[in-house]
Amino acid sequence: MTRLLMCRPDHYGIYYEINPWMDRRRQADRAVALRQWEGLYRLLTDMLRFHVELLPPISGLPDLCFTANAGLLVNGLFVSSRFRYREREAEVPYYTRWFLERGYRVACLPEPAFLKGKGMPSSAVICCSPGTAFVRNFRPIVCFRNSLDGRSTPWR
């Protein structure tokens, strides 16, 4: 059964700018965001029959609803994100505690590595870098692939 983690966007808003897509002058419509979230939740649970676990939203963590950024989950091991920007750092202990309380093994990358998880396909190649993610500056410190049969293997 496919299992997903979601968090309602109850506290979502643009309160800081850390990438070109964020502009505090152009806020999302919270009512529309909630309707869209509810529609997606119903599609996943009612129509597709996915098991969706809900992470409770927290005031002061507006990006918590982007649960794909929490980290990477591979074979029962949750590798917690290490966000580049201080504005998102407070999410990490919350995600980490949530996974620990559910019996997952948890690991964190050593500094100075940054990792922002993404919803990755099962055949993805996953690389983590101590520098910027741009290819010209990419220096991998951790790189592995998650094969289709569920085994994680080092990338050489």
C-alpha atoms as a PDB file:
ATOM      1  CA  MET A   1       0.000   0.000   0.000  1.00  0.00           C
ATOM      2  CA  THR A   2       1.298   3.453  -0.884  1.00  0.00           C
ATOM      3  CA  ARG A   3       1.772   5.645   2.184  1.00  0.00           C
ATOM      4  CA  LEU A   4       2.140   9.403   2.046  1.00  0.00           C
ATOM      5  CA  LEU A   5       2.770  12.183   4.555  1.00  0.00           C
ATOM      6  CA  MET A   6       0.766  15.397   4.274  1.00  0.00           C
ATOM      7  CA  CYS A   7       0.282  18.506   6.399  1.00  0.00           C
ATOM      8  CA  ARG A   8      -2.659  20.898   6.047  1.00  0.00           C
ATOM      9  CA  PRO A   9      -1.585  24.396   4.950  1.00  0.00           C
ATOM     10  CA  ASP A  10      -3.341  26.016   7.926  1.00  0.00           C
ATOM     11  CA  HIS A  11      -0.376  28.321   8.604  1.00  0.00           C
ATOM     12  CA  TYR A  12       1.002  28.606   5.074  1.00  0.00           C
ATOM     13  CA  GLY A  13       2.030  32.033   3.896  1.00  0.00           C
ATOM     14  CA  ILE A  14       5.049  33.812   2.477  1.00  0.00           C
ATOM     15  CA  TYR A  15       6.707  35.355   5.511  1.00  0.00           C
ATOM     16  CA  TYR A  16      10.256  35.381   4.163  1.00  0.00           C
ATOM     17  CA  GLU A  17      11.991  35.213   0.796  1.00  0.00           C
ATOM     18  CA  ILE A  18      14.583  32.485   0.261  1.00  0.00           C
ATOM     19  CA  ASN A  19      14.128  31.756  -3.445  1.00  0.00           C
ATOM     20  CA  PRO A  20      12.994  33.606  -6.579  1.00  0.00           C
ATOM     21  CA  TRP A  21       9.446  32.232  -6.317  1.00  0.00           C
ATOM     22  CA  MET A  22       8.791  33.751  -2.907  1.00  0.00           C
ATOM     23  CA  ASP A  23       7.565  37.329  -2.763  1.00  0.00           C
ATOM     24  CA  ARG A  24       5.953  38.631   0.439  1.00  0.00           C
ATOM     25  CA  ARG A  25       3.954  41.112  -1.636  1.00  0.00           C
ATOM     26  CA  ARG A  26       2.223  38.232  -3.478  1.00  0.00           C
ATOM     27  CA  GLN A  27       0.548  36.056  -0.856  1.00  0.00           C
ATOM     28  CA  ALA A  28      -1.350  32.882  -1.599  1.00  0.00           C
ATOM     29  CA  ASP A  29      -5.079  32.894  -1.033  1.00  0.00           C
ATOM     30  CA  ARG A  30      -5.405  30.724   2.084  1.00  0.00           C
ATOM     31  CA  ALA A  31      -8.990  29.666   1.286  1.00  0.00           C
ATOM     32  CA  VAL A  32      -7.943  28.508  -2.197  1.00  0.00           C
ATOM     33  CA  ALA A  33      -4.889  26.725  -0.790  1.00  0.00           C
ATOM     34  CA  LEU A  34      -7.049  24.858   1.722  1.00  0.00           C
ATOM     35  CA  ARG A  35      -9.602  23.883  -0.956  1.00  0.00           C
ATOM     36  CA  GLN A  36      -6.827  22.625  -3.220  1.00  0.00           C
ATOM     37  CA  TRP A  37      -5.256  20.678  -0.339  1.00  0.00           C
ATOM     38  CA  GLU A  38      -8.612  19.109   0.565  1.00  0.00           C
ATOM     39  CA  GLY A  39      -9.188  18.139  -3.059  1.00  0.00           C
ATOM     40  CA  LEU A  40      -5.790  16.495  -3.282  1.00  0.00           C
ATOM     41  CA  TYR A  41      -6.309  14.714   0.045  1.00  0.00           C
ATOM     42  CA  ARG A  42      -9.694  13.327  -1.098  1.00  0.00           C
ATOM     43  CA  LEU A  43      -8.234  12.236  -4.435  1.00  0.00           C
ATOM     44  CA  LEU A  44      -5.391  10.377  -2.725  1.00  0.00           C
ATOM     45  CA  THR A  45      -7.461   8.772   0.018  1.00  0.00           C
ATOM     46  CA  ASP A  46     -10.941   8.241  -1.447  1.00  0.00           C
ATOM     47  CA  MET A  47     -10.208   7.640  -5.108  1.00  0.00           C
ATOM     48  CA  LEU A  48      -6.675   6.236  -5.178  1.00  0.00           C
ATOM     49  CA  ARG A  49      -6.931   4.556  -1.745  1.00  0.00           C
ATOM     50  CA  PHE A  50      -3.512   5.723  -0.575  1.00  0.00           C
ATOM     51  CA  HIS A  51      -2.801   5.677   3.133  1.00  0.00           C
ATOM     52  CA  VAL A  52      -2.105   9.310   4.054  1.00  0.00           C
ATOM     53  CA  GLU A  53      -0.614  10.134   7.424  1.00  0.00           C
ATOM     54  CA  LEU A  54      -1.170  13.666   8.652  1.00  0.00           C
ATOM     55  CA  LEU A  55       1.501  15.806  10.234  1.00  0.00           C
ATOM     56  CA  PRO A  56      -0.202  18.391  12.456  1.00  0.00           C
ATOM     57  CA  PRO A  57       0.434  21.960  11.281  1.00  0.00           C
ATOM     58  CA  ILE A  58       2.354  24.269  13.607  1.00  0.00           C
ATOM     59  CA  SER A  59       2.017  28.036  13.855  1.00  0.00           C
ATOM     60  CA  GLY A  60       5.313  29.688  12.954  1.00  0.00           C
ATOM     61  CA  LEU A  61       6.286  26.934  10.482  1.00  0.00           C
ATOM     62  CA  PRO A  62       4.555  28.103   7.288  1.00  0.00           C
ATOM     63  CA  ASP A  63       6.408  25.687   4.972  1.00  0.00           C
ATOM     64  CA  LEU A  64       5.655  22.568   7.026  1.00  0.00           C
ATOM     65  CA  CYS A  65       2.949  21.752   4.468  1.00  0.00           C
ATOM     66  CA  PHE A  66       5.732  20.951   1.970  1.00  0.00           C
ATOM     67  CA  THR A  67       6.293  17.511   3.489  1.00  0.00           C
ATOM     68  CA  ALA A  68       8.354  16.305   0.524  1.00  0.00           C
ATOM     69  CA  ASN A  69      11.059  18.630   1.873  1.00  0.00           C
ATOM     70  CA  ALA A  70      11.221  16.741   5.205  1.00  0.00           C
ATOM     71  CA  GLY A  71      13.999  14.447   4.043  1.00  0.00           C
ATOM     72  CA  LEU A  72      14.419  11.122   2.335  1.00  0.00           C
ATOM     73  CA  LEU A  73      12.950   7.815   3.429  1.00  0.00           C
ATOM     74  CA  VAL A  74      14.803   4.718   2.264  1.00  0.00           C
ATOM     75  CA  ASN A  75      14.155   1.223   3.635  1.00  0.00           C
ATOM     76  CA  GLY A  76      12.947   2.450   7.030  1.00  0.00           C
ATOM     77  CA  LEU A  77      15.734   5.022   7.399  1.00  0.00           C
ATOM     78  CA  PHE A  78      14.685   8.666   7.457  1.00  0.00           C
ATOM     79  CA  VAL A  79      17.508  11.002   6.426  1.00  0.00           C
ATOM     80  CA  SER A  80      16.428  14.345   7.760  1.00  0.00           C
ATOM     81  CA  SER A  81      16.794  17.450   5.649  1.00  0.00           C
ATOM     82  CA  ARG A  82      19.403  20.007   6.592  1.00  0.00           C
ATOM     83  CA  PHE A  83      18.062  23.245   5.189  1.00  0.00           C
ATOM     84  CA  ARG A  84      20.393  25.881   3.832  1.00  0.00           C
ATOM     85  CA  TYR A  85      18.227  28.720   5.157  1.00  0.00           C
ATOM     86  CA  ARG A  86      17.701  29.407   8.854  1.00  0.00           C
ATOM     87  CA  GLU A  87      14.038  30.217   8.179  1.00  0.00           C
ATOM     88  CA  ARG A  88      13.362  26.501   7.643  1.00  0.00           C
ATOM     89  CA  GLU A  89      15.659  25.003  10.301  1.00  0.00           C
ATOM     90  CA  ALA A  90      12.909  24.827  12.948  1.00  0.00           C
ATOM     91  CA  GLU A  91      11.081  22.224  10.834  1.00  0.00           C
ATOM     92  CA  VAL A  92      13.881  19.651  11.176  1.00  0.00           C
ATOM     93  CA  PRO A  93      13.394  18.612  14.829  1.00  0.00           C
ATOM     94  CA  TYR A  94       9.641  18.396  14.273  1.00  0.00           C
ATOM     95  CA  TYR A  95       9.977  16.077  11.278  1.00  0.00           C
ATOM     96  CA  THR A  96      12.702  14.061  13.013  1.00  0.00           C
ATOM     97  CA  ARG A  97      10.602  13.548  16.154  1.00  0.00           C
ATOM     98  CA  TRP A  98       7.580  12.542  14.053  1.00  0.00           C
ATOM     99  CA  PHE A  99       9.569   9.779  12.302  1.00  0.00           C
ATOM    100  CA  LEU A 100      11.280   8.617  15.510  1.00  0.00           C
ATOM    101  CA  GLU A 101       7.929   8.305  17.302  1.00  0.00           C
ATOM    102  CA  ARG A 102       6.768   5.972  14.541  1.00  0.00           C
ATOM    103  CA  GLY A 103       9.732   3.633  14.825  1.00  0.00           C
ATOM    104  CA  TYR A 104      11.858   4.814  11.913  1.00  0.00           C
ATOM    105  CA  ARG A 105      15.624   4.956  12.143  1.00  0.00           C
ATOM    106  CA  VAL A 106      16.788   8.555  11.723  1.00  0.00           C
ATOM    107  CA  ALA A 107      20.044   9.958  10.400  1.00  0.00           C
ATOM    108  CA  CYS A 108      21.275  13.492   9.820  1.00  0.00           C
ATOM    109  CA  LEU A 109      24.003  14.520   7.441  1.00  0.00           C
ATOM    110  CA  PRO A 110      27.145  16.044   8.925  1.00  0.00           C
ATOM    111  CA  GLU A 111      27.821  19.724   8.414  1.00  0.00           C
ATOM    112  CA  PRO A 112      28.414  21.404   6.038  1.00  0.00           C
ATOM    113  CA  ALA A 113      26.121  19.243   3.868  1.00  0.00           C
ATOM    114  CA  PHE A 114      22.699  20.544   2.907  1.00  0.00           C
ATOM    115  CA  LEU A 115      19.820  18.336   1.923  1.00  0.00           C
ATOM    116  CA  LYS A 116      16.280  19.282   1.077  1.00  0.00           C
ATOM    117  CA  GLY A 117      14.250  16.161   0.437  1.00  0.00           C
ATOM    118  CA  LYS A 118      11.986  15.956  -2.566  1.00  0.00           C
ATOM    119  CA  GLY A 119       9.359  13.476  -3.573  1.00  0.00           C
ATOM    120  CA  MET A 120      11.707  11.197  -5.487  1.00  0.00           C
ATOM    121  CA  PRO A 121      10.753   8.286  -7.719  1.00  0.00           C
ATOM    122  CA  SER A 122      11.919   4.909  -6.447  1.00  0.00           C
ATOM    123  CA  SER A 123      14.611   4.660  -9.107  1.00  0.00           C
ATOM    124  CA  ALA A 124      16.072   8.066  -8.288  1.00  0.00           C
ATOM    125  CA  VAL A 125      19.719   8.859  -7.888  1.00  0.00           C
ATOM    126  CA  ILE A 126      20.126  10.888  -4.723  1.00  0.00           C
ATOM    127  CA  CYS A 127      23.136  13.119  -4.171  1.00  0.00           C
ATOM    128  CA  CYS A 128      23.960  15.447  -1.304  1.00  0.00           C
ATOM    129  CA  SER A 129      26.514  18.190  -1.516  1.00  0.00           C
ATOM    130  CA  PRO A 130      28.273  20.432   1.004  1.00  0.00           C
ATOM    131  CA  GLY A 131      28.001  23.329  -1.431  1.00  0.00           C
ATOM    132  CA  THR A 132      25.348  24.728  -3.655  1.00  0.00           C
ATOM    133  CA  ALA A 133      23.264  22.299  -5.658  1.00  0.00           C
ATOM    134  CA  PHE A 134      24.301  23.836  -8.948  1.00  0.00           C
ATOM    135  CA  VAL A 135      26.218  21.368 -11.080  1.00  0.00           C
ATOM    136  CA  ARG A 136      29.237  23.609 -11.550  1.00  0.00           C
ATOM    137  CA  ASN A 137      29.886  23.558  -7.787  1.00  0.00           C
ATOM    138  CA  PHE A 138      28.669  20.031  -7.059  1.00  0.00           C
ATOM    139  CA  ARG A 139      30.921  18.059  -4.723  1.00  0.00           C
ATOM    140  CA  PRO A 140      29.105  14.896  -3.651  1.00  0.00           C
ATOM    141  CA  ILE A 141      29.632  13.550  -0.154  1.00  0.00           C
ATOM    142  CA  VAL A 142      26.754  11.091  -0.167  1.00  0.00           C
ATOM    143  CA  CYS A 143      25.387   9.553  -3.288  1.00  0.00           C
ATOM    144  CA  PHE A 144      23.258   6.452  -3.590  1.00  0.00           C
ATOM    145  CA  ARG A 145      20.484   5.136  -5.699  1.00  0.00           C
ATOM    146  CA  ASN A 146      17.293   3.507  -4.605  1.00  0.00           C
ATOM    147  CA  SER A 147      16.672   0.631  -6.966  1.00  0.00           C
ATOM    148  CA  LEU A 148      13.225  -0.449  -8.054  1.00  0.00           C
ATOM    149  CA  ASP A 149      13.413  -3.547  -5.870  1.00  0.00           C
ATOM    150  CA  GLY A 150      13.760  -1.365  -2.764  1.00  0.00           C
ATOM    151  CA  ARG A 151      17.463  -1.868  -2.152  1.00  0.00           C
ATOM    152  CA  SER A 152      19.686   1.168  -1.669  1.00  0.00           C
ATOM    153  CA  THR A 153      23.067   0.796  -3.232  1.00  0.00           C
ATOM    154  CA  PRO A 154      26.091   3.093  -3.180  1.00  0.00           C
ATOM    155  CA  TRP A 155      26.594   5.011  -6.380  1.00  0.00           C
ATOM    156  CA  ARG A 156      30.094   4.578  -7.726  1.00  0.00           C
END
